[in-house]
Amino acid sequence: MTERTAQPGPWSWRYEATGGAVLEDASLPRAVFPSQAEAEAWVGETWRELLDAGVDAVSLLHGDDVVYGPMSLHPAEG
């Protein structure tokens, strides 16, 4: 994964339901991060809570640009 902290702008997560619908529920956390690494660490710590709240996938945003995603929050089967 490439670190993109040299570019200004906030990092955040977009929450999505199965099928790609964006979730806008006010009860979901709306955190903004100063770096990609901090955003990724946060979702790594909170993915279970997000999944329990009905979030199926997340996309990482840098400003308004999608860096990657959607990334499923469901554990891999195997």
PDB file of N, CA and C in Angstrom:
ATOM      1  N   MET A   1       0.835  -1.171   0.000  1.00  0.00           N
ATOM      2  CA  MET A   1       0.000   0.000   0.000  1.00  0.00           C
ATOM      3  C   MET A   1       0.889   1.248   0.000  1.00  0.00           C
ATOM      4  N   THR A   2       0.584   2.195  -0.814  1.00  0.00           N
ATOM      5  CA  THR A   2       1.391   3.398  -0.912  1.00  0.00           C
ATOM      6  C   THR A   2       0.874   4.457   0.044  1.00  0.00           C
ATOM      7  N   GLU A   3       1.769   5.031   0.815  1.00  0.00           N
ATOM      8  CA  GLU A   3       1.429   6.115   1.737  1.00  0.00           C
ATOM      9  C   GLU A   3       1.325   7.390   0.922  1.00  0.00           C
ATOM     10  N   ARG A   4       0.234   8.126   1.104  1.00  0.00           N
ATOM     11  CA  ARG A   4       0.019   9.322   0.302  1.00  0.00           C
ATOM     12  C   ARG A   4      -0.064  10.566   1.173  1.00  0.00           C
ATOM     13  N   THR A   5       0.677  10.622   2.256  1.00  0.00           N
ATOM     14  CA  THR A   5       0.574  11.725   3.200  1.00  0.00           C
ATOM     15  C   THR A   5       1.152  13.032   2.664  1.00  0.00           C
ATOM     16  N   ALA A   6       1.923  13.003   1.574  1.00  0.00           N
ATOM     17  CA  ALA A   6       2.514  14.219   1.045  1.00  0.00           C
ATOM     18  C   ALA A   6       1.448  15.168   0.498  1.00  0.00           C
ATOM     19  N   GLN A   7       0.304  14.634   0.136  1.00  0.00           N
ATOM     20  CA  GLN A   7      -0.764  15.461  -0.403  1.00  0.00           C
ATOM     21  C   GLN A   7      -1.630  15.990   0.740  1.00  0.00           C
ATOM     22  N   PRO A   8      -1.945  17.284   0.723  1.00  0.00           N
ATOM     23  CA  PRO A   8      -2.800  17.822   1.774  1.00  0.00           C
ATOM     24  C   PRO A   8      -4.233  17.316   1.644  1.00  0.00           C
ATOM     25  N   GLY A   9      -4.962  17.410   2.720  1.00  0.00           N
ATOM     26  CA  GLY A   9      -6.362  17.027   2.697  1.00  0.00           C
ATOM     27  C   GLY A   9      -6.653  15.930   3.700  1.00  0.00           C
ATOM     28  N   PRO A  10      -7.885  15.861   4.145  1.00  0.00           N
ATOM     29  CA  PRO A  10      -8.260  14.879   5.161  1.00  0.00           C
ATOM     30  C   PRO A  10      -8.459  13.482   4.576  1.00  0.00           C
ATOM     31  N   TRP A  11      -8.277  12.493   5.419  1.00  0.00           N
ATOM     32  CA  TRP A  11      -8.529  11.093   5.093  1.00  0.00           C
ATOM     33  C   TRP A  11      -9.757  10.666   5.874  1.00  0.00           C
ATOM     34  N   SER A  12     -10.649   9.920   5.241  1.00  0.00           N
ATOM     35  CA  SER A  12     -11.865   9.473   5.919  1.00  0.00           C
ATOM     36  C   SER A  12     -12.352   8.184   5.266  1.00  0.00           C
ATOM     37  N   TRP A  13     -13.355   7.593   5.881  1.00  0.00           N
ATOM     38  CA  TRP A  13     -13.948   6.350   5.372  1.00  0.00           C
ATOM     39  C   TRP A  13     -15.372   6.590   4.925  1.00  0.00           C
ATOM     40  N   ARG A  14     -15.747   6.011   3.804  1.00  0.00           N
ATOM     41  CA  ARG A  14     -17.141   5.998   3.351  1.00  0.00           C
ATOM     42  C   ARG A  14     -17.679   4.611   3.678  1.00  0.00           C
ATOM     43  N   TYR A  15     -18.831   4.573   4.322  1.00  0.00           N
ATOM     44  CA  TYR A  15     -19.452   3.319   4.731  1.00  0.00           C
ATOM     45  C   TYR A  15     -20.461   2.880   3.689  1.00  0.00           C
ATOM     46  N   GLU A  16     -20.464   1.571   3.387  1.00  0.00           N
ATOM     47  CA  GLU A  16     -21.328   1.066   2.338  1.00  0.00           C
ATOM     48  C   GLU A  16     -22.056  -0.198   2.779  1.00  0.00           C
ATOM     49  N   ALA A  17     -23.246  -0.384   2.225  1.00  0.00           N
ATOM     50  CA  ALA A  17     -24.033  -1.597   2.437  1.00  0.00           C
ATOM     51  C   ALA A  17     -23.717  -2.567   1.313  1.00  0.00           C
ATOM     52  N   THR A  18     -24.156  -3.809   1.464  1.00  0.00           N
ATOM     53  CA  THR A  18     -24.025  -4.777   0.384  1.00  0.00           C
ATOM     54  C   THR A  18     -24.698  -4.198  -0.852  1.00  0.00           C
ATOM     55  N   GLY A  19     -24.046  -4.256  -1.981  1.00  0.00           N
ATOM     56  CA  GLY A  19     -24.588  -3.688  -3.207  1.00  0.00           C
ATOM     57  C   GLY A  19     -24.059  -2.296  -3.495  1.00  0.00           C
ATOM     58  N   GLY A  20     -23.335  -1.697  -2.539  1.00  0.00           N
ATOM     59  CA  GLY A  20     -22.687  -0.414  -2.790  1.00  0.00           C
ATOM     60  C   GLY A  20     -23.414   0.833  -2.340  1.00  0.00           C
ATOM     61  N   ALA A  21     -24.608   0.698  -1.760  1.00  0.00           N
ATOM     62  CA  ALA A  21     -25.315   1.892  -1.287  1.00  0.00           C
ATOM     63  C   ALA A  21     -24.522   2.547  -0.160  1.00  0.00           C
ATOM     64  N   VAL A  22     -24.347   3.855  -0.236  1.00  0.00           N
ATOM     65  CA  VAL A  22     -23.621   4.598   0.791  1.00  0.00           C
ATOM     66  C   VAL A  22     -24.517   4.754   2.017  1.00  0.00           C
ATOM     67  N   LEU A  23     -23.949   4.453   3.193  1.00  0.00           N
ATOM     68  CA  LEU A  23     -24.683   4.572   4.455  1.00  0.00           C
ATOM     69  C   LEU A  23     -24.398   5.935   5.070  1.00  0.00           C
ATOM     70  N   GLU A  24     -25.441   6.676   5.369  1.00  0.00           N
ATOM     71  CA  GLU A  24     -25.309   8.031   5.909  1.00  0.00           C
ATOM     72  C   GLU A  24     -25.855   8.148   7.326  1.00  0.00           C
ATOM     73  N   ASP A  25     -26.085   7.030   8.009  1.00  0.00           N
ATOM     74  CA  ASP A  25     -26.682   7.025   9.347  1.00  0.00           C
ATOM     75  C   ASP A  25     -25.880   7.914  10.298  1.00  0.00           C
ATOM     76  N   ALA A  26     -26.548   8.825  10.978  1.00  0.00           N
ATOM     77  CA  ALA A  26     -25.887   9.767  11.884  1.00  0.00           C
ATOM     78  C   ALA A  26     -25.232   9.075  13.072  1.00  0.00           C
ATOM     79  N   SER A  27     -25.642   7.843  13.371  1.00  0.00           N
ATOM     80  CA  SER A  27     -25.047   7.146  14.508  1.00  0.00           C
ATOM     81  C   SER A  27     -23.679   6.539  14.166  1.00  0.00           C
ATOM     82  N   LEU A  28     -23.327   6.477  12.893  1.00  0.00           N
ATOM     83  CA  LEU A  28     -22.023   5.944  12.495  1.00  0.00           C
ATOM     84  C   LEU A  28     -20.939   6.990  12.742  1.00  0.00           C
ATOM     85  N   PRO A  29     -19.769   6.562  13.194  1.00  0.00           N
ATOM     86  CA  PRO A  29     -18.696   7.531  13.464  1.00  0.00           C
ATOM     87  C   PRO A  29     -18.238   8.231  12.193  1.00  0.00           C
ATOM     88  N   ARG A  30     -17.999   9.513  12.296  1.00  0.00           N
ATOM     89  CA  ARG A  30     -17.527  10.318  11.157  1.00  0.00           C
ATOM     90  C   ARG A  30     -16.165  10.902  11.505  1.00  0.00           C
ATOM     91  N   ALA A  31     -15.167  10.073  11.562  1.00  0.00           N
ATOM     92  CA  ALA A  31     -13.821  10.499  11.920  1.00  0.00           C
ATOM     93  C   ALA A  31     -13.060  10.978  10.694  1.00  0.00           C
ATOM     94  N   VAL A  32     -12.203  11.954  10.891  1.00  0.00           N
ATOM     95  CA  VAL A  32     -11.318  12.471   9.856  1.00  0.00           C
ATOM     96  C   VAL A  32      -9.897  12.320  10.393  1.00  0.00           C
ATOM     97  N   PHE A  33      -8.974  11.902   9.529  1.00  0.00           N
ATOM     98  CA  PHE A  33      -7.622  11.584   9.948  1.00  0.00           C
ATOM     99  C   PHE A  33      -6.608  12.406   9.174  1.00  0.00           C
ATOM    100  N   PRO A  34      -5.472  12.736   9.809  1.00  0.00           N
ATOM    101  CA  PRO A  34      -4.449  13.521   9.117  1.00  0.00           C
ATOM    102  C   PRO A  34      -3.573  12.709   8.172  1.00  0.00           C
ATOM    103  N   SER A  35      -3.650  11.362   8.258  1.00  0.00           N
ATOM    104  CA  SER A  35      -2.819  10.543   7.383  1.00  0.00           C
ATOM    105  C   SER A  35      -3.538   9.246   7.019  1.00  0.00           C
ATOM    106  N   GLN A  36      -3.086   8.635   5.933  1.00  0.00           N
ATOM    107  CA  GLN A  36      -3.629   7.357   5.502  1.00  0.00           C
ATOM    108  C   GLN A  36      -3.366   6.293   6.560  1.00  0.00           C
ATOM    109  N   ALA A  37      -2.172   6.294   7.134  1.00  0.00           N
ATOM    110  CA  ALA A  37      -1.814   5.288   8.138  1.00  0.00           C
ATOM    111  C   ALA A  37      -2.739   5.356   9.345  1.00  0.00           C
ATOM    112  N   GLU A  38      -3.067   6.556   9.801  1.00  0.00           N
ATOM    113  CA  GLU A  38      -3.964   6.697  10.951  1.00  0.00           C
ATOM    114  C   GLU A  38      -5.379   6.239  10.617  1.00  0.00           C
ATOM    115  N   ALA A  39      -5.833   6.536   9.410  1.00  0.00           N
ATOM    116  CA  ALA A  39      -7.160   6.085   8.982  1.00  0.00           C
ATOM    117  C   ALA A  39      -7.215   4.561   8.928  1.00  0.00           C
ATOM    118  N   GLU A  40      -6.173   3.954   8.372  1.00  0.00           N
ATOM    119  CA  GLU A  40      -6.143   2.497   8.268  1.00  0.00           C
ATOM    120  C   GLU A  40      -6.030   1.835   9.639  1.00  0.00           C
ATOM    121  N   ALA A  41      -5.260   2.415  10.535  1.00  0.00           N
ATOM    122  CA  ALA A  41      -5.151   1.859  11.890  1.00  0.00           C
ATOM    123  C   ALA A  41      -6.503   1.912  12.594  1.00  0.00           C
ATOM    124  N   TRP A  42      -7.213   3.023  12.421  1.00  0.00           N
ATOM    125  CA  TRP A  42      -8.522   3.183  13.064  1.00  0.00           C
ATOM    126  C   TRP A  42      -9.512   2.136  12.568  1.00  0.00           C
ATOM    127  N   VAL A  43      -9.604   1.948  11.261  1.00  0.00           N
ATOM    128  CA  VAL A  43     -10.571   0.969  10.747  1.00  0.00           C
ATOM    129  C   VAL A  43     -10.152  -0.444  11.153  1.00  0.00           C
ATOM    130  N   GLY A  44      -8.856  -0.683  11.286  1.00  0.00           N
ATOM    131  CA  GLY A  44      -8.385  -1.972  11.755  1.00  0.00           C
ATOM    132  C   GLY A  44      -8.810  -2.271  13.179  1.00  0.00           C
ATOM    133  N   GLU A  45      -8.980  -1.226  13.980  1.00  0.00           N
ATOM    134  CA  GLU A  45      -9.406  -1.378  15.371  1.00  0.00           C
ATOM    135  C   GLU A  45     -10.918  -1.408  15.529  1.00  0.00           C
ATOM    136  N   THR A  46     -11.653  -0.836  14.586  1.00  0.00           N
ATOM    137  CA  THR A  46     -13.103  -0.668  14.774  1.00  0.00           C
ATOM    138  C   THR A  46     -13.973  -1.418  13.781  1.00  0.00           C
ATOM    139  N   TRP A  47     -13.383  -2.236  12.905  1.00  0.00           N
ATOM    140  CA  TRP A  47     -14.178  -2.877  11.854  1.00  0.00           C
ATOM    141  C   TRP A  47     -15.296  -3.741  12.417  1.00  0.00           C
ATOM    142  N   ARG A  48     -15.066  -4.405  13.545  1.00  0.00           N
ATOM    143  CA  ARG A  48     -16.123  -5.264  14.114  1.00  0.00           C
ATOM    144  C   ARG A  48     -17.333  -4.435  14.555  1.00  0.00           C
ATOM    145  N   GLU A  49     -17.073  -3.294  15.173  1.00  0.00           N
ATOM    146  CA  GLU A  49     -18.158  -2.416  15.597  1.00  0.00           C
ATOM    147  C   GLU A  49     -18.919  -1.863  14.395  1.00  0.00           C
ATOM    148  N   LEU A  50     -18.194  -1.518  13.348  1.00  0.00           N
ATOM    149  CA  LEU A  50     -18.845  -1.030  12.127  1.00  0.00           C
ATOM    150  C   LEU A  50     -19.708  -2.127  11.510  1.00  0.00           C
ATOM    151  N   LEU A  51     -19.193  -3.341  11.456  1.00  0.00           N
ATOM    152  CA  LEU A  51     -19.951  -4.470  10.918  1.00  0.00           C
ATOM    153  C   LEU A  51     -21.216  -4.702  11.737  1.00  0.00           C
ATOM    154  N   ASP A  52     -21.104  -4.643  13.061  1.00  0.00           N
ATOM    155  CA  ASP A  52     -22.267  -4.805  13.943  1.00  0.00           C
ATOM    156  C   ASP A  52     -23.294  -3.693  13.739  1.00  0.00           C
ATOM    157  N   ALA A  53     -22.839  -2.507  13.307  1.00  0.00           N
ATOM    158  CA  ALA A  53     -23.730  -1.371  13.078  1.00  0.00           C
ATOM    159  C   ALA A  53     -24.368  -1.401  11.689  1.00  0.00           C
ATOM    160  N   GLY A  54     -24.053  -2.438  10.889  1.00  0.00           N
ATOM    161  CA  GLY A  54     -24.683  -2.577   9.583  1.00  0.00           C
ATOM    162  C   GLY A  54     -23.833  -2.166   8.401  1.00  0.00           C
ATOM    163  N   VAL A  55     -22.566  -1.841   8.640  1.00  0.00           N
ATOM    164  CA  VAL A  55     -21.660  -1.480   7.550  1.00  0.00           C
ATOM    165  C   VAL A  55     -21.087  -2.773   6.976  1.00  0.00           C
ATOM    166  N   ASP A  56     -21.217  -2.967   5.671  1.00  0.00           N
ATOM    167  CA  ASP A  56     -20.701  -4.173   5.023  1.00  0.00           C
ATOM    168  C   ASP A  56     -19.326  -3.961   4.401  1.00  0.00           C
ATOM    169  N   ALA A  57     -19.043  -2.724   3.985  1.00  0.00           N
ATOM    170  CA  ALA A  57     -17.772  -2.429   3.320  1.00  0.00           C
ATOM    171  C   ALA A  57     -17.414  -0.968   3.554  1.00  0.00           C
ATOM    172  N   VAL A  58     -16.128  -0.656   3.363  1.00  0.00           N
ATOM    173  CA  VAL A  58     -15.659   0.722   3.499  1.00  0.00           C
ATOM    174  C   VAL A  58     -14.790   1.072   2.301  1.00  0.00           C
ATOM    175  N   SER A  59     -14.754   2.358   1.986  1.00  0.00           N
ATOM    176  CA  SER A  59     -13.845   2.886   0.971  1.00  0.00           C
ATOM    177  C   SER A  59     -13.056   4.019   1.607  1.00  0.00           C
ATOM    178  N   LEU A  60     -11.749   4.029   1.379  1.00  0.00           N
ATOM    179  CA  LEU A  60     -10.896   5.077   1.922  1.00  0.00           C
ATOM    180  C   LEU A  60     -10.923   6.285   0.994  1.00  0.00           C
ATOM    181  N   LEU A  61     -11.184   7.445   1.566  1.00  0.00           N
ATOM    182  CA  LEU A  61     -11.228   8.692   0.804  1.00  0.00           C
ATOM    183  C   LEU A  61     -10.096   9.609   1.234  1.00  0.00           C
ATOM    184  N   HIS A  62      -9.511  10.293   0.267  1.00  0.00           N
ATOM    185  CA  HIS A  62      -8.550  11.370   0.529  1.00  0.00           C
ATOM    186  C   HIS A  62      -9.171  12.601  -0.079  1.00  0.00           C
ATOM    187  N   GLY A  63      -9.716  13.447   0.790  1.00  0.00           N
ATOM    188  CA  GLY A  63     -10.560  14.530   0.295  1.00  0.00           C
ATOM    189  C   GLY A  63     -11.806  13.903  -0.302  1.00  0.00           C
ATOM    190  N   ASP A  64     -12.083  14.190  -1.562  1.00  0.00           N
ATOM    191  CA  ASP A  64     -13.235  13.603  -2.255  1.00  0.00           C
ATOM    192  C   ASP A  64     -12.848  12.424  -3.148  1.00  0.00           C
ATOM    193  N   ASP A  65     -11.568  12.088  -3.201  1.00  0.00           N
ATOM    194  CA  ASP A  65     -11.089  11.023  -4.081  1.00  0.00           C
ATOM    195  C   ASP A  65     -11.080   9.671  -3.370  1.00  0.00           C
ATOM    196  N   VAL A  66     -11.557   8.637  -4.065  1.00  0.00           N
ATOM    197  CA  VAL A  66     -11.496   7.281  -3.525  1.00  0.00           C
ATOM    198  C   VAL A  66     -10.083   6.748  -3.757  1.00  0.00           C
ATOM    199  N   VAL A  67      -9.404   6.382  -2.670  1.00  0.00           N
ATOM    200  CA  VAL A  67      -8.057   5.818  -2.750  1.00  0.00           C
ATOM    201  C   VAL A  67      -8.159   4.328  -3.040  1.00  0.00           C
ATOM    202  N   TYR A  68      -9.024   3.633  -2.314  1.00  0.00           N
ATOM    203  CA  TYR A  68      -9.330   2.238  -2.595  1.00  0.00           C
ATOM    204  C   TYR A  68     -10.637   1.857  -1.929  1.00  0.00           C
ATOM    205  N   GLY A  69     -11.196   0.759  -2.401  1.00  0.00           N
ATOM    206  CA  GLY A  69     -12.448   0.258  -1.876  1.00  0.00           C
ATOM    207  C   GLY A  69     -13.429   0.071  -3.013  1.00  0.00           C
ATOM    208  N   PRO A  70     -14.550  -0.500  -2.702  1.00  0.00           N
ATOM    209  CA  PRO A  70     -14.948  -0.909  -1.358  1.00  0.00           C
ATOM    210  C   PRO A  70     -14.191  -2.157  -0.885  1.00  0.00           C
ATOM    211  N   MET A  71     -13.930  -2.167   0.412  1.00  0.00           N
ATOM    212  CA  MET A  71     -13.241  -3.266   1.082  1.00  0.00           C
ATOM    213  C   MET A  71     -14.230  -3.882   2.065  1.00  0.00           C
ATOM    214  N   SER A  72     -14.510  -5.146   1.910  1.00  0.00           N
ATOM    215  CA  SER A  72     -15.463  -5.832   2.767  1.00  0.00           C
ATOM    216  C   SER A  72     -14.977  -5.872   4.208  1.00  0.00           C
ATOM    217  N   LEU A  73     -15.894  -5.713   5.142  1.00  0.00           N
ATOM    218  CA  LEU A  73     -15.583  -5.863   6.563  1.00  0.00           C
ATOM    219  C   LEU A  73     -15.878  -7.281   7.059  1.00  0.00           C
ATOM    220  N   HIS A  74     -16.470  -8.094   6.206  1.00  0.00           N
ATOM    221  CA  HIS A  74     -16.806  -9.462   6.600  1.00  0.00           C
ATOM    222  C   HIS A  74     -15.544 -10.319   6.612  1.00  0.00           C
ATOM    223  N   PRO A  75     -15.379 -11.146   7.639  1.00  0.00           N
ATOM    224  CA  PRO A  75     -14.203 -12.023   7.694  1.00  0.00           C
ATOM    225  C   PRO A  75     -14.176 -12.961   6.487  1.00  0.00           C
ATOM    226  N   ALA A  76     -12.982 -13.244   6.023  1.00  0.00           N
ATOM    227  CA  ALA A  76     -12.808 -14.168   4.904  1.00  0.00           C
ATOM    228  C   ALA A  76     -13.210 -15.577   5.349  1.00  0.00           C
ATOM    229  N   GLU A  77     -13.892 -16.271   4.486  1.00  0.00           N
ATOM    230  CA  GLU A  77     -14.267 -17.645   4.797  1.00  0.00           C
ATOM    231  C   GLU A  77     -13.127 -18.556   4.397  1.00  0.00           C
ATOM    232  N   GLY A  78     -12.914 -19.566   5.188  1.00  0.00           N
ATOM    233  CA  GLY A  78     -11.863 -20.469   4.787  1.00  0.00           C
ATOM    234  C   GLY A  78     -11.564 -21.398   5.827  1.00  0.00           C
TER     235      GLY A  78
END
